[in-house]
Amino acid sequence: MNQQTFELLILGSSSASPTVDRYPSAQLLNIAERYFLIDCGEGTQIQIRKYKAKLQAIDHILISHLHGDHFFGLPGLLSTMSLLGRKQKLTIYCPEDLKLIIDTINKASDTVFNFEIVWQFTNNSSLNLLFEDTKVQVYSFPLKHRIYCTGFLFKEKSLPRNIDKFKLEKLNISVADILKLKKGMDVINEDGKLIKNNDATTSPPIPRSFAYCSDTIYYKKIASYIKEVSLVYHESTFLEDKKDRAKKTFHSTAKQAAEIATLANAQKLLLGHFSARYGNLKCFIEEAKSIFENCELALEGKVFKVI
């Protein structure tokens, strides 16, 4: 059985101040054609168009916290969705005050959207389930920033076991028992013989996962929420020589991001949210790789396929 889509498009990698080449935080995650926009800094809709992503396919928007570089692009994005004739509902997962902000903007500008927004307010006290369907589960978890802030964890659900059609005939198994086999059950064949599930099926791909760790000071507890994650994005605003500055502003260094990935036993680490003071980002990779080898920069336009 082929794996379903699981890929991440980076739309913005900068911190508070954008640069000529780097936009504020935004990422677009596609899991089995479910599109999740994670944070929405200024210019996000421009980036969506630039990289030819599916704007109206986005049915879920997740905002980690209410610093402008993580949500200033949202009012414009919502307006564009409405102007383009969107009708299907949109769910926004966010701190509660964001609804007040959007409602105030719409009232002042006499704006009424063509579509329904379902507001689901996050909780940063523990790991909390935000969304679940047949393919994916989405959770929020607490981060430690200057203001209320959450990370997000996306987990693919296990696929059914793969049926070996040749073995169905060879073992004289009824087609009616396929559903039982997919669920991992043993069956009785048409000769009355017990057939073990492993004799007629193969294991599906291992479920994949992605964790988004937005703005946060170095906080070891994060690792407990994202154990064994396939891919983790962790902010790395500064290099280690500015760790005092990182602590003061409740941000992290590249080395600290790598330490969290190590504690979580993650498969791969993405670094982002770079301070505008840095032009050449090569040092971020060098610093992180001294702790955690499998890491990359989360730069605009890059697509990361989780396999």
C-alpha atoms as a PDB file:
ATOM      1  CA  MET A   1       0.000   0.000   0.000  1.00  0.00           C
ATOM      2  CA  ASN A   2       1.371   3.399  -0.965  1.00  0.00           C
ATOM      3  CA  GLN A   3       1.833   6.006   1.739  1.00  0.00           C
ATOM      4  CA  GLN A   4      -0.554   8.945   1.762  1.00  0.00           C
ATOM      5  CA  THR A   5       0.804  12.469   1.316  1.00  0.00           C
ATOM      6  CA  PHE A   6       2.665  13.940   4.274  1.00  0.00           C
ATOM      7  CA  GLU A   7       4.638  17.050   3.328  1.00  0.00           C
ATOM      8  CA  LEU A   8       5.502  20.458   4.736  1.00  0.00           C
ATOM      9  CA  LEU A   9       5.944  23.663   2.720  1.00  0.00           C
ATOM     10  CA  ILE A  10       7.879  26.485   4.388  1.00  0.00           C
ATOM     11  CA  LEU A  11       6.327  29.895   3.709  1.00  0.00           C
ATOM     12  CA  GLY A  12       8.226  32.014   6.233  1.00  0.00           C
ATOM     13  CA  SER A  13      11.378  31.534   8.330  1.00  0.00           C
ATOM     14  CA  SER A  14      12.122  34.948   9.834  1.00  0.00           C
ATOM     15  CA  SER A  15      11.539  36.137  13.376  1.00  0.00           C
ATOM     16  CA  ALA A  16       9.973  39.472  14.363  1.00  0.00           C
ATOM     17  CA  SER A  17      11.490  41.493  11.515  1.00  0.00           C
ATOM     18  CA  PRO A  18      11.272  40.150   7.954  1.00  0.00           C
ATOM     19  CA  THR A  19      14.177  40.543   5.538  1.00  0.00           C
ATOM     20  CA  VAL A  20      14.388  40.817   1.756  1.00  0.00           C
ATOM     21  CA  ASP A  21      14.620  37.024   1.513  1.00  0.00           C
ATOM     22  CA  ARG A  22      12.805  35.841   4.627  1.00  0.00           C
ATOM     23  CA  TYR A  23       9.149  36.231   5.589  1.00  0.00           C
ATOM     24  CA  PRO A  24       7.632  35.904   9.097  1.00  0.00           C
ATOM     25  CA  SER A  25       6.499  32.520  10.388  1.00  0.00           C
ATOM     26  CA  ALA A  26       4.137  30.402   8.292  1.00  0.00           C
ATOM     27  CA  GLN A  27       4.084  26.770   7.198  1.00  0.00           C
ATOM     28  CA  LEU A  28       1.603  24.701   5.186  1.00  0.00           C
ATOM     29  CA  LEU A  29       1.230  21.014   6.085  1.00  0.00           C
ATOM     30  CA  ASN A  30      -0.533  18.520   3.829  1.00  0.00           C
ATOM     31  CA  ILE A  31      -1.525  15.204   5.380  1.00  0.00           C
ATOM     32  CA  ALA A  32      -3.668  13.037   3.095  1.00  0.00           C
ATOM     33  CA  GLU A  33      -4.984  16.182   1.358  1.00  0.00           C
ATOM     34  CA  ARG A  34      -5.903  17.809   4.665  1.00  0.00           C
ATOM     35  CA  TYR A  35      -4.264  21.247   4.532  1.00  0.00           C
ATOM     36  CA  PHE A  36      -3.161  22.882   7.786  1.00  0.00           C
ATOM     37  CA  LEU A  37      -1.772  26.441   7.773  1.00  0.00           C
ATOM     38  CA  ILE A  38       0.462  26.824  10.816  1.00  0.00           C
ATOM     39  CA  ASP A  39       0.920  30.445  11.846  1.00  0.00           C
ATOM     40  CA  CYS A  40       0.233  33.254   9.419  1.00  0.00           C
ATOM     41  CA  GLY A  41       2.797  36.054   9.514  1.00  0.00           C
ATOM     42  CA  GLU A  42       2.623  39.115   7.292  1.00  0.00           C
ATOM     43  CA  GLY A  43       2.764  38.210   3.599  1.00  0.00           C
ATOM     44  CA  THR A  44       1.653  34.607   4.020  1.00  0.00           C
ATOM     45  CA  GLN A  45      -0.956  34.808   1.255  1.00  0.00           C
ATOM     46  CA  ILE A  46       1.668  36.198  -1.128  1.00  0.00           C
ATOM     47  CA  GLN A  47       3.896  33.217  -0.336  1.00  0.00           C
ATOM     48  CA  ILE A  48       1.000  30.810  -0.867  1.00  0.00           C
ATOM     49  CA  ARG A  49       0.526  32.236  -4.355  1.00  0.00           C
ATOM     50  CA  LYS A  50       4.243  32.335  -5.087  1.00  0.00           C
ATOM     51  CA  TYR A  51       4.654  28.631  -4.351  1.00  0.00           C
ATOM     52  CA  LYS A  52       1.356  27.718  -6.052  1.00  0.00           C
ATOM     53  CA  ALA A  53      -0.173  26.176  -2.950  1.00  0.00           C
ATOM     54  CA  LYS A  54      -3.909  25.530  -2.720  1.00  0.00           C
ATOM     55  CA  LEU A  55      -5.298  28.565  -0.893  1.00  0.00           C
ATOM     56  CA  GLN A  56      -8.935  27.487  -0.776  1.00  0.00           C
ATOM     57  CA  ALA A  57      -8.001  23.919   0.191  1.00  0.00           C
ATOM     58  CA  ILE A  58      -6.917  25.192   3.604  1.00  0.00           C
ATOM     59  CA  ASP A  59      -9.644  24.200   6.066  1.00  0.00           C
ATOM     60  CA  HIS A  60      -7.588  24.505   9.258  1.00  0.00           C
ATOM     61  CA  ILE A  61      -5.478  27.432  10.489  1.00  0.00           C
ATOM     62  CA  LEU A  62      -3.444  27.106  13.688  1.00  0.00           C
ATOM     63  CA  ILE A  63      -2.012  30.188  15.420  1.00  0.00           C
ATOM     64  CA  SER A  64       0.572  29.543  18.126  1.00  0.00           C
ATOM     65  CA  HIS A  65       0.452  32.936  19.858  1.00  0.00           C
ATOM     66  CA  LEU A  66      -0.406  36.584  19.374  1.00  0.00           C
ATOM     67  CA  HIS A  67       2.907  38.184  18.503  1.00  0.00           C
ATOM     68  CA  GLY A  68       2.444  39.938  15.181  1.00  0.00           C
ATOM     69  CA  ASP A  69       4.990  37.942  13.213  1.00  0.00           C
ATOM     70  CA  HIS A  70       2.779  34.897  13.753  1.00  0.00           C
ATOM     71  CA  PHE A  71      -0.655  36.255  12.837  1.00  0.00           C
ATOM     72  CA  PHE A  72      -0.533  39.672  11.125  1.00  0.00           C
ATOM     73  CA  GLY A  73      -1.132  37.963   7.767  1.00  0.00           C
ATOM     74  CA  LEU A  74      -4.407  36.407   8.913  1.00  0.00           C
ATOM     75  CA  PRO A  75      -6.879  39.311   8.385  1.00  0.00           C
ATOM     76  CA  GLY A  76      -5.740  39.738   4.775  1.00  0.00           C
ATOM     77  CA  LEU A  77      -5.773  36.012   4.102  1.00  0.00           C
ATOM     78  CA  LEU A  78      -9.337  35.646   5.397  1.00  0.00           C
ATOM     79  CA  SER A  79     -10.440  38.640   3.342  1.00  0.00           C
ATOM     80  CA  THR A  80      -8.937  37.156   0.176  1.00  0.00           C
ATOM     81  CA  MET A  81     -10.602  33.804   0.807  1.00  0.00           C
ATOM     82  CA  SER A  82     -13.949  35.599   1.030  1.00  0.00           C
ATOM     83  CA  LEU A  83     -13.333  37.780  -2.028  1.00  0.00           C
ATOM     84  CA  LEU A  84     -12.534  34.651  -4.044  1.00  0.00           C
ATOM     85  CA  GLY A  85     -15.929  33.199  -3.151  1.00  0.00           C
ATOM     86  CA  ARG A  86     -15.077  30.711  -0.463  1.00  0.00           C
ATOM     87  CA  LYS A  87     -18.165  28.976   0.945  1.00  0.00           C
ATOM     88  CA  GLN A  88     -16.848  26.071   3.020  1.00  0.00           C
ATOM     89  CA  LYS A  89     -16.266  26.585   6.705  1.00  0.00           C
ATOM     90  CA  LEU A  90     -12.811  27.274   8.128  1.00  0.00           C
ATOM     91  CA  THR A  91     -11.636  26.227  11.583  1.00  0.00           C
ATOM     92  CA  ILE A  92      -9.144  28.445  13.415  1.00  0.00           C
ATOM     93  CA  TYR A  93      -7.311  27.044  16.449  1.00  0.00           C
ATOM     94  CA  CYS A  94      -5.829  29.887  18.467  1.00  0.00           C
ATOM     95  CA  PRO A  95      -5.629  31.918  21.688  1.00  0.00           C
ATOM     96  CA  GLU A  96      -9.070  33.267  22.568  1.00  0.00           C
ATOM     97  CA  ASP A  97      -8.160  36.956  22.055  1.00  0.00           C
ATOM     98  CA  LEU A  98      -7.607  36.393  18.327  1.00  0.00           C
ATOM     99  CA  LYS A  99     -11.362  36.211  17.716  1.00  0.00           C
ATOM    100  CA  LEU A 100     -11.778  39.624  19.332  1.00  0.00           C
ATOM    101  CA  ILE A 101      -9.033  41.034  17.091  1.00  0.00           C
ATOM    102  CA  ILE A 102     -10.606  39.697  13.885  1.00  0.00           C
ATOM    103  CA  ASP A 103     -14.107  40.744  14.960  1.00  0.00           C
ATOM    104  CA  THR A 104     -12.862  44.275  15.718  1.00  0.00           C
ATOM    105  CA  ILE A 105     -11.143  44.601  12.331  1.00  0.00           C
ATOM    106  CA  ASN A 106     -14.262  43.359  10.538  1.00  0.00           C
ATOM    107  CA  LYS A 107     -16.518  45.720  12.474  1.00  0.00           C
ATOM    108  CA  ALA A 108     -14.301  48.747  11.748  1.00  0.00           C
ATOM    109  CA  SER A 109     -14.080  47.881   8.035  1.00  0.00           C
ATOM    110  CA  ASP A 110     -17.703  46.727   7.701  1.00  0.00           C
ATOM    111  CA  THR A 111     -16.505  43.329   6.485  1.00  0.00           C
ATOM    112  CA  VAL A 112     -18.650  40.202   6.411  1.00  0.00           C
ATOM    113  CA  PHE A 113     -17.105  36.943   5.235  1.00  0.00           C
ATOM    114  CA  ASN A 114     -18.938  34.604   2.851  1.00  0.00           C
ATOM    115  CA  PHE A 115     -17.986  31.583   4.917  1.00  0.00           C
ATOM    116  CA  GLU A 116     -18.323  30.380   8.492  1.00  0.00           C
ATOM    117  CA  ILE A 117     -15.359  30.513  10.851  1.00  0.00           C
ATOM    118  CA  VAL A 118     -15.355  27.920  13.617  1.00  0.00           C
ATOM    119  CA  TRP A 119     -13.227  29.176  16.486  1.00  0.00           C
ATOM    120  CA  GLN A 120     -11.513  26.591  18.665  1.00  0.00           C
ATOM    121  CA  PHE A 121      -9.468  28.093  21.461  1.00  0.00           C
ATOM    122  CA  THR A 122      -6.260  26.371  22.492  1.00  0.00           C
ATOM    123  CA  ASN A 123      -5.210  25.379  25.991  1.00  0.00           C
ATOM    124  CA  ASN A 124      -1.549  25.524  26.977  1.00  0.00           C
ATOM    125  CA  SER A 125      -1.798  23.549  30.204  1.00  0.00           C
ATOM    126  CA  SER A 126      -1.050  20.116  28.716  1.00  0.00           C
ATOM    127  CA  LEU A 127      -1.275  17.991  25.568  1.00  0.00           C
ATOM    128  CA  ASN A 128      -4.758  18.633  24.138  1.00  0.00           C
ATOM    129  CA  LEU A 129      -6.542  17.049  21.188  1.00  0.00           C
ATOM    130  CA  LEU A 130      -7.725  19.748  18.764  1.00  0.00           C
ATOM    131  CA  PHE A 131      -8.855  17.773  15.718  1.00  0.00           C
ATOM    132  CA  GLU A 132      -9.337  14.164  14.670  1.00  0.00           C
ATOM    133  CA  ASP A 133     -10.698  12.393  11.619  1.00  0.00           C
ATOM    134  CA  THR A 134     -10.042   9.047   9.937  1.00  0.00           C
ATOM    135  CA  LYS A 135      -6.537  10.047   8.821  1.00  0.00           C
ATOM    136  CA  VAL A 136      -4.968  12.397  11.369  1.00  0.00           C
ATOM    137  CA  GLN A 137      -4.927  13.679  14.934  1.00  0.00           C
ATOM    138  CA  VAL A 138      -3.822  17.218  15.843  1.00  0.00           C
ATOM    139  CA  TYR A 139      -2.771  18.276  19.335  1.00  0.00           C
ATOM    140  CA  SER A 140      -1.603  21.466  21.016  1.00  0.00           C
ATOM    141  CA  PHE A 141       0.990  21.462  23.770  1.00  0.00           C
ATOM    142  CA  PRO A 142       2.460  24.174  26.011  1.00  0.00           C
ATOM    143  CA  LEU A 143       5.532  26.211  25.134  1.00  0.00           C
ATOM    144  CA  LYS A 144       7.266  28.730  27.376  1.00  0.00           C
ATOM    145  CA  HIS A 145       7.316  32.203  25.831  1.00  0.00           C
ATOM    146  CA  ARG A 146       6.782  35.779  27.063  1.00  0.00           C
ATOM    147  CA  ILE A 147       3.062  35.397  26.360  1.00  0.00           C
ATOM    148  CA  TYR A 148       0.638  32.500  26.052  1.00  0.00           C
ATOM    149  CA  CYS A 149       1.964  30.155  23.355  1.00  0.00           C
ATOM    150  CA  THR A 150       1.389  26.611  22.145  1.00  0.00           C
ATOM    151  CA  GLY A 151       3.114  24.177  19.870  1.00  0.00           C
ATOM    152  CA  PHE A 152       1.253  21.761  17.597  1.00  0.00           C
ATOM    153  CA  LEU A 153       1.653  18.017  17.057  1.00  0.00           C
ATOM    154  CA  PHE A 154       0.274  16.260  13.964  1.00  0.00           C
ATOM    155  CA  LYS A 155       0.012  12.473  14.051  1.00  0.00           C
ATOM    156  CA  GLU A 156      -0.935  10.238  11.148  1.00  0.00           C
ATOM    157  CA  LYS A 157      -3.305   7.425  12.075  1.00  0.00           C
ATOM    158  CA  SER A 158      -2.275   3.854  11.410  1.00  0.00           C
ATOM    159  CA  LEU A 159      -3.347   2.518   8.041  1.00  0.00           C
ATOM    160  CA  PRO A 160      -5.052  -0.899   7.793  1.00  0.00           C
ATOM    161  CA  ARG A 161      -2.905  -3.960   7.208  1.00  0.00           C
ATOM    162  CA  ASN A 162      -2.060  -4.776   3.596  1.00  0.00           C
ATOM    163  CA  ILE A 163      -3.819  -7.756   2.032  1.00  0.00           C
ATOM    164  CA  ASP A 164      -1.770 -10.191  -0.052  1.00  0.00           C
ATOM    165  CA  LYS A 165      -4.315 -11.108  -2.763  1.00  0.00           C
ATOM    166  CA  PHE A 166      -2.264 -14.092  -3.938  1.00  0.00           C
ATOM    167  CA  LYS A 167      -2.332 -15.549  -0.438  1.00  0.00           C
ATOM    168  CA  LEU A 168      -6.106 -15.092  -0.205  1.00  0.00           C
ATOM    169  CA  GLU A 169      -6.526 -17.638  -2.981  1.00  0.00           C
ATOM    170  CA  LYS A 170      -3.719 -19.892  -1.838  1.00  0.00           C
ATOM    171  CA  LEU A 171      -5.060 -20.042   1.731  1.00  0.00           C
ATOM    172  CA  ASN A 172      -8.666 -20.333   0.536  1.00  0.00           C
ATOM    173  CA  ILE A 173      -9.796 -17.253   2.457  1.00  0.00           C
ATOM    174  CA  SER A 174     -13.198 -15.761   1.734  1.00  0.00           C
ATOM    175  CA  VAL A 175     -13.328 -12.218   0.315  1.00  0.00           C
ATOM    176  CA  ALA A 176     -15.854 -11.512   3.071  1.00  0.00           C
ATOM    177  CA  ASP A 177     -13.035 -11.808   5.635  1.00  0.00           C
ATOM    178  CA  ILE A 178     -10.887  -9.044   4.098  1.00  0.00           C
ATOM    179  CA  LEU A 179     -12.148  -6.422   6.551  1.00  0.00           C
ATOM    180  CA  LYS A 180     -11.224  -8.633   9.507  1.00  0.00           C
ATOM    181  CA  LEU A 181      -7.755  -9.182   8.073  1.00  0.00           C
ATOM    182  CA  LYS A 182      -7.221  -5.447   7.557  1.00  0.00           C
ATOM    183  CA  LYS A 183      -8.060  -4.911  11.230  1.00  0.00           C
ATOM    184  CA  GLY A 184      -5.383  -7.418  12.255  1.00  0.00           C
ATOM    185  CA  MET A 185      -7.704 -10.267  13.146  1.00  0.00           C
ATOM    186  CA  ASP A 186      -7.193 -13.965  12.465  1.00  0.00           C
ATOM    187  CA  VAL A 187      -9.839 -15.708  10.319  1.00  0.00           C
ATOM    188  CA  ILE A 188     -11.239 -19.151   9.622  1.00  0.00           C
ATOM    189  CA  ASN A 189     -10.822 -20.114   5.968  1.00  0.00           C
ATOM    190  CA  GLU A 190     -13.372 -21.939   3.836  1.00  0.00           C
ATOM    191  CA  ASP A 191     -11.852 -25.278   4.868  1.00  0.00           C
ATOM    192  CA  GLY A 192     -12.480 -24.472   8.538  1.00  0.00           C
ATOM    193  CA  LYS A 193      -8.774 -23.890   9.239  1.00  0.00           C
ATOM    194  CA  LEU A 194      -7.513 -21.012  11.423  1.00  0.00           C
ATOM    195  CA  ILE A 195      -5.397 -18.598   9.393  1.00  0.00           C
ATOM    196  CA  LYS A 196      -3.091 -16.296  11.349  1.00  0.00           C
ATOM    197  CA  ASN A 197      -3.245 -12.678  10.260  1.00  0.00           C
ATOM    198  CA  ASN A 198       0.489 -12.491   9.552  1.00  0.00           C
ATOM    199  CA  ASP A 199       0.134 -15.339   7.061  1.00  0.00           C
ATOM    200  CA  ALA A 200      -2.203 -13.317   4.824  1.00  0.00           C
ATOM    201  CA  THR A 201      -1.205  -9.700   5.382  1.00  0.00           C
ATOM    202  CA  THR A 202       1.786  -7.406   5.650  1.00  0.00           C
ATOM    203  CA  SER A 203       2.302  -4.495   7.996  1.00  0.00           C
ATOM    204  CA  PRO A 204       1.299  -1.001   6.820  1.00  0.00           C
ATOM    205  CA  PRO A 205       3.802   1.867   6.811  1.00  0.00           C
ATOM    206  CA  ILE A 206       4.727   3.203  10.259  1.00  0.00           C
ATOM    207  CA  PRO A 207       2.569   6.257  11.111  1.00  0.00           C
ATOM    208  CA  ARG A 208       4.390   9.582  10.694  1.00  0.00           C
ATOM    209  CA  SER A 209       4.273  12.743  12.767  1.00  0.00           C
ATOM    210  CA  PHE A 210       5.292  16.404  12.769  1.00  0.00           C
ATOM    211  CA  ALA A 211       5.792  18.784  15.691  1.00  0.00           C
ATOM    212  CA  TYR A 212       5.804  22.567  15.392  1.00  0.00           C
ATOM    213  CA  CYS A 213       7.600  24.283  18.260  1.00  0.00           C
ATOM    214  CA  SER A 214       6.964  27.980  17.848  1.00  0.00           C
ATOM    215  CA  ASP A 215       8.518  30.714  20.008  1.00  0.00           C
ATOM    216  CA  THR A 216       9.859  29.308  23.252  1.00  0.00           C
ATOM    217  CA  ILE A 217      12.706  29.520  25.690  1.00  0.00           C
ATOM    218  CA  TYR A 218      14.743  26.318  26.078  1.00  0.00           C
ATOM    219  CA  TYR A 219      12.164  24.104  27.783  1.00  0.00           C
ATOM    220  CA  LYS A 220      13.015  20.430  28.315  1.00  0.00           C
ATOM    221  CA  LYS A 221       9.412  19.413  28.920  1.00  0.00           C
ATOM    222  CA  ILE A 222       8.663  19.935  25.220  1.00  0.00           C
ATOM    223  CA  ALA A 223      10.476  16.676  24.492  1.00  0.00           C
ATOM    224  CA  SER A 224       7.957  14.698  26.568  1.00  0.00           C
ATOM    225  CA  TYR A 225       5.109  15.882  24.321  1.00  0.00           C
ATOM    226  CA  ILE A 226       6.789  14.997  21.022  1.00  0.00           C
ATOM    227  CA  LYS A 227       8.588  11.723  21.772  1.00  0.00           C
ATOM    228  CA  GLU A 228       9.709   9.746  18.704  1.00  0.00           C
ATOM    229  CA  VAL A 229       8.391  12.414  16.312  1.00  0.00           C
ATOM    230  CA  SER A 230       9.297  11.949  12.646  1.00  0.00           C
ATOM    231  CA  LEU A 231       9.988  15.628  11.969  1.00  0.00           C
ATOM    232  CA  VAL A 232      10.258  18.511  14.419  1.00  0.00           C
ATOM    233  CA  TYR A 233      10.462  22.219  13.679  1.00  0.00           C
ATOM    234  CA  HIS A 234      11.955  24.174  16.577  1.00  0.00           C
ATOM    235  CA  GLU A 235      12.611  27.881  16.633  1.00  0.00           C
ATOM    236  CA  SER A 236      16.286  28.876  16.698  1.00  0.00           C
ATOM    237  CA  THR A 237      16.241  32.659  16.780  1.00  0.00           C
ATOM    238  CA  PHE A 238      19.850  32.982  17.915  1.00  0.00           C
ATOM    239  CA  LEU A 239      23.209  31.236  17.936  1.00  0.00           C
ATOM    240  CA  GLU A 240      24.767  30.048  21.182  1.00  0.00           C
ATOM    241  CA  ASP A 241      26.921  33.168  21.622  1.00  0.00           C
ATOM    242  CA  LYS A 242      23.639  35.061  22.109  1.00  0.00           C
ATOM    243  CA  LYS A 243      22.133  32.568  24.554  1.00  0.00           C
ATOM    244  CA  ASP A 244      21.757  35.265  27.211  1.00  0.00           C
ATOM    245  CA  ARG A 245      19.761  37.316  24.720  1.00  0.00           C
ATOM    246  CA  ALA A 246      17.720  34.228  23.873  1.00  0.00           C
ATOM    247  CA  LYS A 247      16.907  33.651  27.539  1.00  0.00           C
ATOM    248  CA  LYS A 248      15.971  37.289  28.108  1.00  0.00           C
ATOM    249  CA  THR A 249      13.566  37.323  25.137  1.00  0.00           C
ATOM    250  CA  PHE A 250      12.228  33.788  25.756  1.00  0.00           C
ATOM    251  CA  HIS A 251      13.707  32.357  22.578  1.00  0.00           C
ATOM    252  CA  SER A 252      16.092  29.489  21.787  1.00  0.00           C
ATOM    253  CA  THR A 253      19.438  28.941  20.107  1.00  0.00           C
ATOM    254  CA  ALA A 254      20.222  26.416  17.369  1.00  0.00           C
ATOM    255  CA  LYS A 255      22.100  24.291  19.884  1.00  0.00           C
ATOM    256  CA  GLN A 256      19.147  24.297  22.271  1.00  0.00           C
ATOM    257  CA  ALA A 257      16.787  23.283  19.459  1.00  0.00           C
ATOM    258  CA  ALA A 258      19.105  20.363  18.711  1.00  0.00           C
ATOM    259  CA  GLU A 259      19.078  19.362  22.373  1.00  0.00           C
ATOM    260  CA  ILE A 260      15.270  19.216  22.365  1.00  0.00           C
ATOM    261  CA  ALA A 261      15.329  17.073  19.203  1.00  0.00           C
ATOM    262  CA  THR A 262      17.819  14.750  20.898  1.00  0.00           C
ATOM    263  CA  LEU A 263      15.748  14.468  24.083  1.00  0.00           C
ATOM    264  CA  ALA A 264      12.653  13.702  22.003  1.00  0.00           C
ATOM    265  CA  ASN A 265      14.528  11.096  19.932  1.00  0.00           C
ATOM    266  CA  ALA A 266      13.219  12.839  16.814  1.00  0.00           C
ATOM    267  CA  GLN A 267      14.173  11.579  13.375  1.00  0.00           C
ATOM    268  CA  LYS A 268      14.808  14.994  11.821  1.00  0.00           C
ATOM    269  CA  LEU A 269      15.053  18.626  12.958  1.00  0.00           C
ATOM    270  CA  LEU A 270      14.147  21.822  11.088  1.00  0.00           C
ATOM    271  CA  LEU A 271      15.550  25.151  12.279  1.00  0.00           C
ATOM    272  CA  GLY A 272      13.752  28.455  11.743  1.00  0.00           C
ATOM    273  CA  HIS A 273      12.558  31.816  13.126  1.00  0.00           C
ATOM    274  CA  PHE A 274      15.966  33.340  12.475  1.00  0.00           C
ATOM    275  CA  SER A 275      16.789  36.790  13.813  1.00  0.00           C
ATOM    276  CA  ALA A 276      17.204  39.382  11.055  1.00  0.00           C
ATOM    277  CA  ARG A 277      20.701  40.108  12.385  1.00  0.00           C
ATOM    278  CA  TYR A 278      21.948  36.959  10.644  1.00  0.00           C
ATOM    279  CA  GLY A 279      22.595  37.049   6.906  1.00  0.00           C
ATOM    280  CA  ASN A 280      24.445  33.770   6.418  1.00  0.00           C
ATOM    281  CA  LEU A 281      22.572  30.962   8.152  1.00  0.00           C
ATOM    282  CA  LYS A 282      25.232  28.299   7.652  1.00  0.00           C
ATOM    283  CA  CYS A 283      26.354  28.676  11.265  1.00  0.00           C
ATOM    284  CA  PHE A 284      22.922  27.546  12.494  1.00  0.00           C
ATOM    285  CA  ILE A 285      23.359  24.159  10.835  1.00  0.00           C
ATOM    286  CA  GLU A 286      26.934  23.841  12.061  1.00  0.00           C
ATOM    287  CA  GLU A 287      25.918  24.604  15.627  1.00  0.00           C
ATOM    288  CA  ALA A 288      22.911  22.261  15.632  1.00  0.00           C
ATOM    289  CA  LYS A 289      24.816  19.394  13.983  1.00  0.00           C
ATOM    290  CA  SER A 290      27.306  19.368  16.834  1.00  0.00           C
ATOM    291  CA  ILE A 291      24.411  17.964  18.892  1.00  0.00           C
ATOM    292  CA  PHE A 292      21.931  16.492  16.384  1.00  0.00           C
ATOM    293  CA  GLU A 293      23.187  15.427  12.967  1.00  0.00           C
ATOM    294  CA  ASN A 294      20.008  15.161  10.900  1.00  0.00           C
ATOM    295  CA  CYS A 295      18.906  18.776  10.621  1.00  0.00           C
ATOM    296  CA  GLU A 296      18.102  21.362   7.928  1.00  0.00           C
ATOM    297  CA  LEU A 297      17.132  25.011   7.630  1.00  0.00           C
ATOM    298  CA  ALA A 298      13.411  25.660   7.208  1.00  0.00           C
ATOM    299  CA  LEU A 299      13.798  28.159   4.372  1.00  0.00           C
ATOM    300  CA  GLU A 300      11.120  29.701   2.153  1.00  0.00           C
ATOM    301  CA  GLY A 301       9.930  27.455  -0.653  1.00  0.00           C
ATOM    302  CA  LYS A 302      11.455  24.251   0.725  1.00  0.00           C
ATOM    303  CA  VAL A 303       9.215  21.200   0.809  1.00  0.00           C
ATOM    304  CA  PHE A 304       9.955  18.483   3.335  1.00  0.00           C
ATOM    305  CA  LYS A 305       8.361  15.089   2.663  1.00  0.00           C
ATOM    306  CA  VAL A 306       8.017  12.915   5.712  1.00  0.00           C
ATOM    307  CA  ILE A 307       8.646   9.298   4.697  1.00  0.00           C
END
